[in-house]
Amino acid sequence: MGYGAGRDVLPIRSRQNLRDPLLQAKAQAMMAGISSARKIWTTTIVYIDSTKIIQLLHNPKSVPINCYYLVLDILEILQSFASCSVEKVGRTCISKAHDLAIQARKGQ
């Protein structure tokens, strides 16, 4: 724990929780998908293979610092749908999206 200017107790995260590049990539992919979906539909189901992303959506205070505002933006878009659910599935269920994400990351 640390103290802020007003002597408020501030949580200090361990260094290992400050950055998570893989988590950030998954969150960015989710953001791109739901942003596109929101332009077309008012209801949606989001299928994702990351338990960690689902956990962070339920508890944004535990988000690594490099993903914090991205997760808040995801939550804002999810809340803008008339109806939306996020469901955990195995990678084989979303293999096409996984392949596209790999191609995008490689710049293809």
PDB file of N, CA and C in Angstrom:
ATOM      1  N   MET A   1       0.841  -1.172   0.000  1.00  0.00           N
ATOM      2  CA  MET A   1       0.000   0.000   0.000  1.00  0.00           C
ATOM      3  C   MET A   1       0.885   1.234   0.000  1.00  0.00           C
ATOM      4  N   GLY A   2       0.355   2.320  -0.532  1.00  0.00           N
ATOM      5  CA  GLY A   2       1.069   3.587  -0.533  1.00  0.00           C
ATOM      6  C   GLY A   2       0.114   4.699  -0.160  1.00  0.00           C
ATOM      7  N   TYR A   3       0.629   5.875  -0.040  1.00  0.00           N
ATOM      8  CA  TYR A   3      -0.202   7.014   0.334  1.00  0.00           C
ATOM      9  C   TYR A   3      -0.173   8.066  -0.760  1.00  0.00           C
ATOM     10  N   GLY A   4      -1.357   8.636  -1.081  1.00  0.00           N
ATOM     11  CA  GLY A   4      -1.466   9.707  -2.056  1.00  0.00           C
ATOM     12  C   GLY A   4      -1.239  11.048  -1.378  1.00  0.00           C
ATOM     13  N   ALA A   5      -1.400  12.118  -2.137  1.00  0.00           N
ATOM     14  CA  ALA A   5      -1.150  13.462  -1.623  1.00  0.00           C
ATOM     15  C   ALA A   5      -2.022  13.777  -0.416  1.00  0.00           C
ATOM     16  N   GLY A   6      -3.252  13.311  -0.403  1.00  0.00           N
ATOM     17  CA  GLY A   6      -4.162  13.578   0.705  1.00  0.00           C
ATOM     18  C   GLY A   6      -4.099  12.510   1.781  1.00  0.00           C
ATOM     19  N   ARG A   7      -3.050  11.726   1.762  1.00  0.00           N
ATOM     20  CA  ARG A   7      -2.846  10.637   2.729  1.00  0.00           C
ATOM     21  C   ARG A   7      -3.875   9.521   2.565  1.00  0.00           C
ATOM     22  N   ASP A   8      -4.502   9.459   1.386  1.00  0.00           N
ATOM     23  CA  ASP A   8      -5.404   8.345   1.091  1.00  0.00           C
ATOM     24  C   ASP A   8      -4.559   7.108   0.808  1.00  0.00           C
ATOM     25  N   VAL A   9      -5.038   5.970   1.196  1.00  0.00           N
ATOM     26  CA  VAL A   9      -4.325   4.731   0.914  1.00  0.00           C
ATOM     27  C   VAL A   9      -4.586   4.351  -0.537  1.00  0.00           C
ATOM     28  N   LEU A  10      -3.509   4.134  -1.284  1.00  0.00           N
ATOM     29  CA  LEU A  10      -3.618   3.750  -2.681  1.00  0.00           C
ATOM     30  C   LEU A  10      -3.036   2.360  -2.863  1.00  0.00           C
ATOM     31  N   PRO A  11      -3.720   1.474  -3.591  1.00  0.00           N
ATOM     32  CA  PRO A  11      -3.140   0.148  -3.808  1.00  0.00           C
ATOM     33  C   PRO A  11      -1.957   0.253  -4.766  1.00  0.00           C
ATOM     34  N   ILE A  12      -0.921  -0.460  -4.491  1.00  0.00           N
ATOM     35  CA  ILE A  12       0.232  -0.516  -5.389  1.00  0.00           C
ATOM     36  C   ILE A  12       0.295  -1.929  -5.929  1.00  0.00           C
ATOM     37  N   ARG A  13       0.213  -2.036  -7.232  1.00  0.00           N
ATOM     38  CA  ARG A  13       0.218  -3.350  -7.861  1.00  0.00           C
ATOM     39  C   ARG A  13       1.648  -3.874  -7.976  1.00  0.00           C
ATOM     40  N   SER A  14       1.777  -5.182  -7.962  1.00  0.00           N
ATOM     41  CA  SER A  14       3.105  -5.753  -8.164  1.00  0.00           C
ATOM     42  C   SER A  14       3.511  -5.523  -9.613  1.00  0.00           C
ATOM     43  N   ARG A  15       4.795  -5.497  -9.865  1.00  0.00           N
ATOM     44  CA  ARG A  15       5.290  -5.223 -11.220  1.00  0.00           C
ATOM     45  C   ARG A  15       4.758  -6.220 -12.239  1.00  0.00           C
ATOM     46  N   GLN A  16       4.587  -7.469 -11.855  1.00  0.00           N
ATOM     47  CA  GLN A  16       4.145  -8.462 -12.818  1.00  0.00           C
ATOM     48  C   GLN A  16       2.716  -8.193 -13.297  1.00  0.00           C
ATOM     49  N   ASN A  17       1.931  -7.454 -12.538  1.00  0.00           N
ATOM     50  CA  ASN A  17       0.558  -7.155 -12.941  1.00  0.00           C
ATOM     51  C   ASN A  17       0.437  -5.860 -13.733  1.00  0.00           C
ATOM     52  N   LEU A  18       1.535  -5.123 -13.896  1.00  0.00           N
ATOM     53  CA  LEU A  18       1.445  -3.835 -14.569  1.00  0.00           C
ATOM     54  C   LEU A  18       1.237  -3.957 -16.073  1.00  0.00           C
ATOM     55  N   ARG A  19       1.822  -4.982 -16.689  1.00  0.00           N
ATOM     56  CA  ARG A  19       1.717  -5.107 -18.134  1.00  0.00           C
ATOM     57  C   ARG A  19       1.445  -6.562 -18.509  1.00  0.00           C
ATOM     58  N   ASP A  20       0.587  -6.734 -19.483  1.00  0.00           N
ATOM     59  CA  ASP A  20       0.290  -8.074 -19.982  1.00  0.00           C
ATOM     60  C   ASP A  20      -0.019  -7.937 -21.469  1.00  0.00           C
ATOM     61  N   PRO A  21       1.003  -8.046 -22.337  1.00  0.00           N
ATOM     62  CA  PRO A  21       0.809  -7.816 -23.774  1.00  0.00           C
ATOM     63  C   PRO A  21      -0.209  -8.755 -24.424  1.00  0.00           C
ATOM     64  N   LEU A  22      -0.230 -10.028 -24.029  1.00  0.00           N
ATOM     65  CA  LEU A  22      -1.191 -10.963 -24.617  1.00  0.00           C
ATOM     66  C   LEU A  22      -2.622 -10.570 -24.248  1.00  0.00           C
ATOM     67  N   LEU A  23      -2.817 -10.221 -23.002  1.00  0.00           N
ATOM     68  CA  LEU A  23      -4.131  -9.779 -22.554  1.00  0.00           C
ATOM     69  C   LEU A  23      -4.554  -8.518 -23.304  1.00  0.00           C
ATOM     70  N   GLN A  24      -3.619  -7.613 -23.490  1.00  0.00           N
ATOM     71  CA  GLN A  24      -3.911  -6.378 -24.216  1.00  0.00           C
ATOM     72  C   GLN A  24      -4.319  -6.688 -25.659  1.00  0.00           C
ATOM     73  N   ALA A  25      -3.631  -7.613 -26.304  1.00  0.00           N
ATOM     74  CA  ALA A  25      -3.966  -7.993 -27.682  1.00  0.00           C
ATOM     75  C   ALA A  25      -5.370  -8.594 -27.761  1.00  0.00           C
ATOM     76  N   LYS A  26      -5.710  -9.443 -26.794  1.00  0.00           N
ATOM     77  CA  LYS A  26      -7.047 -10.042 -26.782  1.00  0.00           C
ATOM     78  C   LYS A  26      -8.118  -8.983 -26.539  1.00  0.00           C
ATOM     79  N   ALA A  27      -7.830  -8.053 -25.649  1.00  0.00           N
ATOM     80  CA  ALA A  27      -8.791  -6.980 -25.372  1.00  0.00           C
ATOM     81  C   ALA A  27      -8.965  -6.081 -26.596  1.00  0.00           C
ATOM     82  N   GLN A  28      -7.881  -5.799 -27.304  1.00  0.00           N
ATOM     83  CA  GLN A  28      -7.975  -4.981 -28.516  1.00  0.00           C
ATOM     84  C   GLN A  28      -8.784  -5.693 -29.593  1.00  0.00           C
ATOM     85  N   ALA A  29      -8.600  -6.992 -29.717  1.00  0.00           N
ATOM     86  CA  ALA A  29      -9.379  -7.756 -30.695  1.00  0.00           C
ATOM     87  C   ALA A  29     -10.857  -7.733 -30.334  1.00  0.00           C
ATOM     88  N   MET A  30     -11.156  -7.883 -29.048  1.00  0.00           N
ATOM     89  CA  MET A  30     -12.553  -7.824 -28.609  1.00  0.00           C
ATOM     90  C   MET A  30     -13.147  -6.454 -28.882  1.00  0.00           C
ATOM     91  N   MET A  31     -12.375  -5.406 -28.604  1.00  0.00           N
ATOM     92  CA  MET A  31     -12.837  -4.041 -28.829  1.00  0.00           C
ATOM     93  C   MET A  31     -13.168  -3.817 -30.308  1.00  0.00           C
ATOM     94  N   ALA A  32     -12.296  -4.285 -31.181  1.00  0.00           N
ATOM     95  CA  ALA A  32     -12.539  -4.140 -32.624  1.00  0.00           C
ATOM     96  C   ALA A  32     -13.805  -4.875 -33.040  1.00  0.00           C
ATOM     97  N   GLY A  33     -13.984  -6.079 -32.534  1.00  0.00           N
ATOM     98  CA  GLY A  33     -15.158  -6.870 -32.892  1.00  0.00           C
ATOM     99  C   GLY A  33     -16.460  -6.257 -32.405  1.00  0.00           C
ATOM    100  N   ILE A  34     -16.490  -5.839 -31.149  1.00  0.00           N
ATOM    101  CA  ILE A  34     -17.755  -5.288 -30.631  1.00  0.00           C
ATOM    102  C   ILE A  34     -18.037  -3.900 -31.188  1.00  0.00           C
ATOM    103  N   SER A  35     -16.981  -3.160 -31.529  1.00  0.00           N
ATOM    104  CA  SER A  35     -17.188  -1.837 -32.153  1.00  0.00           C
ATOM    105  C   SER A  35     -17.854  -2.006 -33.514  1.00  0.00           C
ATOM    106  N   SER A  36     -17.381  -2.975 -34.277  1.00  0.00           N
ATOM    107  CA  SER A  36     -17.986  -3.256 -35.589  1.00  0.00           C
ATOM    108  C   SER A  36     -19.410  -3.774 -35.429  1.00  0.00           C
ATOM    109  N   ALA A  37     -19.614  -4.681 -34.476  1.00  0.00           N
ATOM    110  CA  ALA A  37     -20.947  -5.243 -34.253  1.00  0.00           C
ATOM    111  C   ALA A  37     -21.942  -4.164 -33.851  1.00  0.00           C
ATOM    112  N   ARG A  38     -21.493  -3.218 -33.047  1.00  0.00           N
ATOM    113  CA  ARG A  38     -22.395  -2.167 -32.546  1.00  0.00           C
ATOM    114  C   ARG A  38     -22.920  -1.281 -33.671  1.00  0.00           C
ATOM    115  N   LYS A  39     -22.141  -1.141 -34.733  1.00  0.00           N
ATOM    116  CA  LYS A  39     -22.565  -0.329 -35.886  1.00  0.00           C
ATOM    117  C   LYS A  39     -23.697  -1.004 -36.656  1.00  0.00           C
ATOM    118  N   ILE A  40     -23.841  -2.320 -36.479  1.00  0.00           N
ATOM    119  CA  ILE A  40     -24.812  -3.093 -37.259  1.00  0.00           C
ATOM    120  C   ILE A  40     -25.981  -3.587 -36.415  1.00  0.00           C
ATOM    121  N   TRP A  41     -25.694  -4.094 -35.218  1.00  0.00           N
ATOM    122  CA  TRP A  41     -26.715  -4.741 -34.416  1.00  0.00           C
ATOM    123  C   TRP A  41     -26.955  -4.025 -33.089  1.00  0.00           C
ATOM    124  N   THR A  42     -28.123  -4.253 -32.534  1.00  0.00           N
ATOM    125  CA  THR A  42     -28.423  -3.720 -31.201  1.00  0.00           C
ATOM    126  C   THR A  42     -28.351  -4.815 -30.142  1.00  0.00           C
ATOM    127  N   THR A  43     -28.304  -6.068 -30.583  1.00  0.00           N
ATOM    128  CA  THR A  43     -28.137  -7.197 -29.659  1.00  0.00           C
ATOM    129  C   THR A  43     -27.009  -8.077 -30.187  1.00  0.00           C
ATOM    130  N   THR A  44     -26.295  -8.708 -29.286  1.00  0.00           N
ATOM    131  CA  THR A  44     -25.207  -9.580 -29.728  1.00  0.00           C
ATOM    132  C   THR A  44     -24.811 -10.556 -28.630  1.00  0.00           C
ATOM    133  N   ILE A  45     -24.130 -11.602 -29.039  1.00  0.00           N
ATOM    134  CA  ILE A  45     -23.477 -12.529 -28.121  1.00  0.00           C
ATOM    135  C   ILE A  45     -22.001 -12.516 -28.508  1.00  0.00           C
ATOM    136  N   VAL A  46     -21.144 -12.264 -27.546  1.00  0.00           N
ATOM    137  CA  VAL A  46     -19.702 -12.241 -27.785  1.00  0.00           C
ATOM    138  C   VAL A  46     -19.128 -13.564 -27.299  1.00  0.00           C
ATOM    139  N   TYR A  47     -18.471 -14.282 -28.196  1.00  0.00           N
ATOM    140  CA  TYR A  47     -17.807 -15.526 -27.833  1.00  0.00           C
ATOM    141  C   TYR A  47     -16.318 -15.234 -27.706  1.00  0.00           C
ATOM    142  N   ILE A  48     -15.734 -15.617 -26.597  1.00  0.00           N
ATOM    143  CA  ILE A  48     -14.323 -15.344 -26.355  1.00  0.00           C
ATOM    144  C   ILE A  48     -13.693 -16.548 -25.667  1.00  0.00           C
ATOM    145  N   ASP A  49     -12.419 -16.792 -25.988  1.00  0.00           N
ATOM    146  CA  ASP A  49     -11.737 -17.945 -25.397  1.00  0.00           C
ATOM    147  C   ASP A  49     -10.889 -17.577 -24.180  1.00  0.00           C
ATOM    148  N   SER A  50     -11.039 -16.359 -23.689  1.00  0.00           N
ATOM    149  CA  SER A  50     -10.212 -15.887 -22.579  1.00  0.00           C
ATOM    150  C   SER A  50     -11.017 -15.743 -21.286  1.00  0.00           C
ATOM    151  N   THR A  51     -10.767 -16.641 -20.360  1.00  0.00           N
ATOM    152  CA  THR A  51     -11.400 -16.537 -19.043  1.00  0.00           C
ATOM    153  C   THR A  51     -10.961 -15.243 -18.360  1.00  0.00           C
ATOM    154  N   LYS A  52      -9.692 -14.868 -18.574  1.00  0.00           N
ATOM    155  CA  LYS A  52      -9.137 -13.667 -17.932  1.00  0.00           C
ATOM    156  C   LYS A  52      -9.903 -12.410 -18.360  1.00  0.00           C
ATOM    157  N   ILE A  53     -10.223 -12.279 -19.642  1.00  0.00           N
ATOM    158  CA  ILE A  53     -10.976 -11.110 -20.113  1.00  0.00           C
ATOM    159  C   ILE A  53     -12.340 -11.074 -19.427  1.00  0.00           C
ATOM    160  N   ILE A  54     -13.004 -12.186 -19.355  1.00  0.00           N
ATOM    161  CA  ILE A  54     -14.319 -12.232 -18.706  1.00  0.00           C
ATOM    162  C   ILE A  54     -14.199 -11.829 -17.240  1.00  0.00           C
ATOM    163  N   GLN A  55     -13.179 -12.318 -16.557  1.00  0.00           N
ATOM    164  CA  GLN A  55     -12.968 -11.939 -15.161  1.00  0.00           C
ATOM    165  C   GLN A  55     -12.741 -10.439 -15.021  1.00  0.00           C
ATOM    166  N   LEU A  56     -11.966  -9.867 -15.927  1.00  0.00           N
ATOM    167  CA  LEU A  56     -11.679  -8.429 -15.856  1.00  0.00           C
ATOM    168  C   LEU A  56     -12.905  -7.582 -16.155  1.00  0.00           C
ATOM    169  N   LEU A  57     -13.787  -8.073 -17.007  1.00  0.00           N
ATOM    170  CA  LEU A  57     -15.023  -7.347 -17.289  1.00  0.00           C
ATOM    171  C   LEU A  57     -15.913  -7.307 -16.048  1.00  0.00           C
ATOM    172  N   HIS A  58     -15.834  -8.338 -15.231  1.00  0.00           N
ATOM    173  CA  HIS A  58     -16.616  -8.382 -13.990  1.00  0.00           C
ATOM    174  C   HIS A  58     -15.955  -7.605 -12.862  1.00  0.00           C
ATOM    175  N   ASN A  59     -14.643  -7.415 -12.951  1.00  0.00           N
ATOM    176  CA  ASN A  59     -13.915  -6.718 -11.891  1.00  0.00           C
ATOM    177  C   ASN A  59     -12.828  -5.825 -12.509  1.00  0.00           C
ATOM    178  N   PRO A  60     -13.220  -4.676 -13.086  1.00  0.00           N
ATOM    179  CA  PRO A  60     -12.258  -3.808 -13.770  1.00  0.00           C
ATOM    180  C   PRO A  60     -11.138  -3.273 -12.878  1.00  0.00           C
ATOM    181  N   LYS A  61     -11.317  -3.290 -11.561  1.00  0.00           N
ATOM    182  CA  LYS A  61     -10.271  -2.781 -10.665  1.00  0.00           C
ATOM    183  C   LYS A  61      -9.032  -3.667 -10.680  1.00  0.00           C
ATOM    184  N   SER A  62      -9.167  -4.916 -11.159  1.00  0.00           N
ATOM    185  CA  SER A  62      -8.027  -5.823 -11.180  1.00  0.00           C
ATOM    186  C   SER A  62      -7.305  -5.845 -12.529  1.00  0.00           C
ATOM    187  N   VAL A  63      -7.675  -4.939 -13.433  1.00  0.00           N
ATOM    188  CA  VAL A  63      -7.107  -4.912 -14.778  1.00  0.00           C
ATOM    189  C   VAL A  63      -5.662  -4.400 -14.740  1.00  0.00           C
ATOM    190  N   PRO A  64      -4.740  -5.063 -15.473  1.00  0.00           N
ATOM    191  CA  PRO A  64      -3.382  -4.527 -15.584  1.00  0.00           C
ATOM    192  C   PRO A  64      -3.426  -3.117 -16.164  1.00  0.00           C
ATOM    193  N   ILE A  65      -2.500  -2.294 -15.758  1.00  0.00           N
ATOM    194  CA  ILE A  65      -2.546  -0.876 -16.090  1.00  0.00           C
ATOM    195  C   ILE A  65      -2.568  -0.615 -17.594  1.00  0.00           C
ATOM    196  N   ASN A  66      -1.886  -1.455 -18.389  1.00  0.00           N
ATOM    197  CA  ASN A  66      -1.856  -1.216 -19.827  1.00  0.00           C
ATOM    198  C   ASN A  66      -3.180  -1.543 -20.512  1.00  0.00           C
ATOM    199  N   CYS A  67      -4.118  -2.156 -19.806  1.00  0.00           N
ATOM    200  CA  CYS A  67      -5.420  -2.514 -20.386  1.00  0.00           C
ATOM    201  C   CYS A  67      -6.584  -1.786 -19.729  1.00  0.00           C
ATOM    202  N   TYR A  68      -6.319  -1.005 -18.711  1.00  0.00           N
ATOM    203  CA  TYR A  68      -7.391  -0.443 -17.884  1.00  0.00           C
ATOM    204  C   TYR A  68      -8.414   0.353 -18.698  1.00  0.00           C
ATOM    205  N   TYR A  69      -7.963   1.358 -19.444  1.00  0.00           N
ATOM    206  CA  TYR A  69      -8.916   2.193 -20.187  1.00  0.00           C
ATOM    207  C   TYR A  69      -9.552   1.433 -21.345  1.00  0.00           C
ATOM    208  N   LEU A  70      -8.836   0.489 -21.906  1.00  0.00           N
ATOM    209  CA  LEU A  70      -9.390  -0.348 -22.958  1.00  0.00           C
ATOM    210  C   LEU A  70     -10.558  -1.181 -22.422  1.00  0.00           C
ATOM    211  N   VAL A  71     -10.388  -1.758 -21.244  1.00  0.00           N
ATOM    212  CA  VAL A  71     -11.470  -2.546 -20.630  1.00  0.00           C
ATOM    213  C   VAL A  71     -12.661  -1.649 -20.300  1.00  0.00           C
ATOM    214  N   LEU A  72     -12.404  -0.445 -19.827  1.00  0.00           N
ATOM    215  CA  LEU A  72     -13.513   0.488 -19.560  1.00  0.00           C
ATOM    216  C   LEU A  72     -14.259   0.820 -20.847  1.00  0.00           C
ATOM    217  N   ASP A  73     -13.523   1.012 -21.946  1.00  0.00           N
ATOM    218  CA  ASP A  73     -14.164   1.283 -23.242  1.00  0.00           C
ATOM    219  C   ASP A  73     -14.986   0.078 -23.706  1.00  0.00           C
ATOM    220  N   ILE A  74     -14.465  -1.120 -23.506  1.00  0.00           N
ATOM    221  CA  ILE A  74     -15.211  -2.335 -23.867  1.00  0.00           C
ATOM    222  C   ILE A  74     -16.513  -2.398 -23.077  1.00  0.00           C
ATOM    223  N   LEU A  75     -16.429  -2.150 -21.782  1.00  0.00           N
ATOM    224  CA  LEU A  75     -17.635  -2.177 -20.942  1.00  0.00           C
ATOM    225  C   LEU A  75     -18.659  -1.147 -21.409  1.00  0.00           C
ATOM    226  N   GLU A  76     -18.190   0.025 -21.794  1.00  0.00           N
ATOM    227  CA  GLU A  76     -19.104   1.077 -22.268  1.00  0.00           C
ATOM    228  C   GLU A  76     -19.834   0.634 -23.535  1.00  0.00           C
ATOM    229  N   ILE A  77     -19.102   0.031 -24.457  1.00  0.00           N
ATOM    230  CA  ILE A  77     -19.744  -0.440 -25.694  1.00  0.00           C
ATOM    231  C   ILE A  77     -20.701  -1.590 -25.400  1.00  0.00           C
ATOM    232  N   LEU A  78     -20.287  -2.526 -24.558  1.00  0.00           N
ATOM    233  CA  LEU A  78     -21.175  -3.647 -24.211  1.00  0.00           C
ATOM    234  C   LEU A  78     -22.478  -3.145 -23.603  1.00  0.00           C
ATOM    235  N   GLN A  79     -22.384  -2.118 -22.772  1.00  0.00           N
ATOM    236  CA  GLN A  79     -23.580  -1.567 -22.128  1.00  0.00           C
ATOM    237  C   GLN A  79     -24.466  -0.796 -23.105  1.00  0.00           C
ATOM    238  N   SER A  80     -23.913  -0.409 -24.264  1.00  0.00           N
ATOM    239  CA  SER A  80     -24.715   0.333 -25.236  1.00  0.00           C
ATOM    240  C   SER A  80     -25.627  -0.575 -26.063  1.00  0.00           C
ATOM    241  N   PHE A  81     -25.382  -1.882 -26.024  1.00  0.00           N
ATOM    242  CA  PHE A  81     -26.261  -2.823 -26.715  1.00  0.00           C
ATOM    243  C   PHE A  81     -27.571  -2.954 -25.935  1.00  0.00           C
ATOM    244  N   ALA A  82     -28.664  -3.136 -26.647  1.00  0.00           N
ATOM    245  CA  ALA A  82     -29.939  -3.390 -25.977  1.00  0.00           C
ATOM    246  C   ALA A  82     -29.867  -4.710 -25.214  1.00  0.00           C
ATOM    247  N   SER A  83     -29.167  -5.664 -25.792  1.00  0.00           N
ATOM    248  CA  SER A  83     -28.974  -6.964 -25.144  1.00  0.00           C
ATOM    249  C   SER A  83     -27.618  -7.494 -25.583  1.00  0.00           C
ATOM    250  N   CYS A  84     -26.822  -7.939 -24.616  1.00  0.00           N
ATOM    251  CA  CYS A  84     -25.494  -8.434 -24.938  1.00  0.00           C
ATOM    252  C   CYS A  84     -25.046  -9.416 -23.869  1.00  0.00           C
ATOM    253  N   SER A  85     -24.422 -10.503 -24.294  1.00  0.00           N
ATOM    254  CA  SER A  85     -23.817 -11.421 -23.334  1.00  0.00           C
ATOM    255  C   SER A  85     -22.436 -11.797 -23.844  1.00  0.00           C
ATOM    256  N   VAL A  86     -21.548 -12.105 -22.910  1.00  0.00           N
ATOM    257  CA  VAL A  86     -20.194 -12.536 -23.229  1.00  0.00           C
ATOM    258  C   VAL A  86     -20.060 -13.958 -22.705  1.00  0.00           C
ATOM    259  N   GLU A  87     -19.708 -14.868 -23.608  1.00  0.00           N
ATOM    260  CA  GLU A  87     -19.643 -16.273 -23.242  1.00  0.00           C
ATOM    261  C   GLU A  87     -18.266 -16.849 -23.519  1.00  0.00           C
ATOM    262  N   LYS A  88     -17.779 -17.641 -22.567  1.00  0.00           N
ATOM    263  CA  LYS A  88     -16.483 -18.318 -22.695  1.00  0.00           C
ATOM    264  C   LYS A  88     -16.683 -19.576 -23.522  1.00  0.00           C
ATOM    265  N   VAL A  89     -15.859 -19.719 -24.556  1.00  0.00           N
ATOM    266  CA  VAL A  89     -15.882 -20.914 -25.388  1.00  0.00           C
ATOM    267  C   VAL A  89     -14.438 -21.385 -25.591  1.00  0.00           C
ATOM    268  N   GLY A  90     -14.291 -22.582 -26.073  1.00  0.00           N
ATOM    269  CA  GLY A  90     -12.958 -23.096 -26.391  1.00  0.00           C
ATOM    270  C   GLY A  90     -12.432 -22.464 -27.668  1.00  0.00           C
ATOM    271  N   ARG A  91     -11.124 -22.486 -27.822  1.00  0.00           N
ATOM    272  CA  ARG A  91     -10.503 -21.859 -28.994  1.00  0.00           C
ATOM    273  C   ARG A  91     -10.992 -22.468 -30.305  1.00  0.00           C
ATOM    274  N   THR A  92     -11.301 -23.760 -30.301  1.00  0.00           N
ATOM    275  CA  THR A  92     -11.760 -24.397 -31.538  1.00  0.00           C
ATOM    276  C   THR A  92     -13.074 -23.793 -32.023  1.00  0.00           C
ATOM    277  N   CYS A  93     -13.867 -23.265 -31.112  1.00  0.00           N
ATOM    278  CA  CYS A  93     -15.146 -22.644 -31.492  1.00  0.00           C
ATOM    279  C   CYS A  93     -14.950 -21.308 -32.197  1.00  0.00           C
ATOM    280  N   ILE A  94     -13.813 -20.694 -31.988  1.00  0.00           N
ATOM    281  CA  ILE A  94     -13.562 -19.379 -32.599  1.00  0.00           C
ATOM    282  C   ILE A  94     -12.268 -19.400 -33.407  1.00  0.00           C
ATOM    283  N   SER A  95     -11.959 -20.552 -34.003  1.00  0.00           N
ATOM    284  CA  SER A  95     -10.687 -20.711 -34.709  1.00  0.00           C
ATOM    285  C   SER A  95     -10.527 -19.733 -35.869  1.00  0.00           C
ATOM    286  N   LYS A  96     -11.595 -19.428 -36.590  1.00  0.00           N
ATOM    287  CA  LYS A  96     -11.495 -18.469 -37.703  1.00  0.00           C
ATOM    288  C   LYS A  96     -11.079 -17.088 -37.182  1.00  0.00           C
ATOM    289  N   ALA A  97     -11.690 -16.654 -36.090  1.00  0.00           N
ATOM    290  CA  ALA A  97     -11.336 -15.357 -35.500  1.00  0.00           C
ATOM    291  C   ALA A  97      -9.900 -15.388 -34.981  1.00  0.00           C
ATOM    292  N   HIS A  98      -9.496 -16.503 -34.411  1.00  0.00           N
ATOM    293  CA  HIS A  98      -8.126 -16.646 -33.911  1.00  0.00           C
ATOM    294  C   HIS A  98      -7.128 -16.526 -35.058  1.00  0.00           C
ATOM    295  N   ASP A  99      -7.426 -17.192 -36.178  1.00  0.00           N
ATOM    296  CA  ASP A  99      -6.547 -17.126 -37.353  1.00  0.00           C
ATOM    297  C   ASP A  99      -6.466 -15.695 -37.890  1.00  0.00           C
ATOM    298  N   LEU A 100      -7.580 -14.997 -37.935  1.00  0.00           N
ATOM    299  CA  LEU A 100      -7.584 -13.602 -38.399  1.00  0.00           C
ATOM    300  C   LEU A 100      -6.770 -12.699 -37.462  1.00  0.00           C
ATOM    301  N   ALA A 101      -6.867 -12.958 -36.170  1.00  0.00           N
ATOM    302  CA  ALA A 101      -6.112 -12.165 -35.199  1.00  0.00           C
ATOM    303  C   ALA A 101      -4.606 -12.368 -35.394  1.00  0.00           C
ATOM    304  N   ILE A 102      -4.204 -13.600 -35.667  1.00  0.00           N
ATOM    305  CA  ILE A 102      -2.784 -13.887 -35.912  1.00  0.00           C
ATOM    306  C   ILE A 102      -2.308 -13.164 -37.171  1.00  0.00           C
ATOM    307  N   GLN A 103      -3.119 -13.207 -38.224  1.00  0.00           N
ATOM    308  CA  GLN A 103      -2.761 -12.517 -39.467  1.00  0.00           C
ATOM    309  C   GLN A 103      -2.664 -11.013 -39.240  1.00  0.00           C
ATOM    310  N   ALA A 104      -3.597 -10.453 -38.486  1.00  0.00           N
ATOM    311  CA  ALA A 104      -3.581  -9.018 -38.206  1.00  0.00           C
ATOM    312  C   ALA A 104      -2.335  -8.649 -37.416  1.00  0.00           C
ATOM    313  N   ARG A 105      -1.974  -9.479 -36.438  1.00  0.00           N
ATOM    314  CA  ARG A 105      -0.803  -9.196 -35.618  1.00  0.00           C
ATOM    315  C   ARG A 105       0.471  -9.239 -36.448  1.00  0.00           C
ATOM    316  N   LYS A 106       0.496 -10.101 -37.463  1.00  0.00           N
ATOM    317  CA  LYS A 106       1.669 -10.220 -38.340  1.00  0.00           C
ATOM    318  C   LYS A 106       1.634  -9.199 -39.468  1.00  0.00           C
ATOM    319  N   GLY A 107       0.550  -8.430 -39.571  1.00  0.00           N
ATOM    320  CA  GLY A 107       0.442  -7.407 -40.596  1.00  0.00           C
ATOM    321  C   GLY A 107       0.117  -7.943 -41.973  1.00  0.00           C
ATOM    322  N   GLN A 108      -0.556  -9.079 -42.038  1.00  0.00           N
ATOM    323  CA  GLN A 108      -0.910  -9.686 -43.340  1.00  0.00           C
ATOM    324  C   GLN A 108      -2.266  -9.257 -43.802  1.00  0.00           C
TER     325      GLN A 108
END
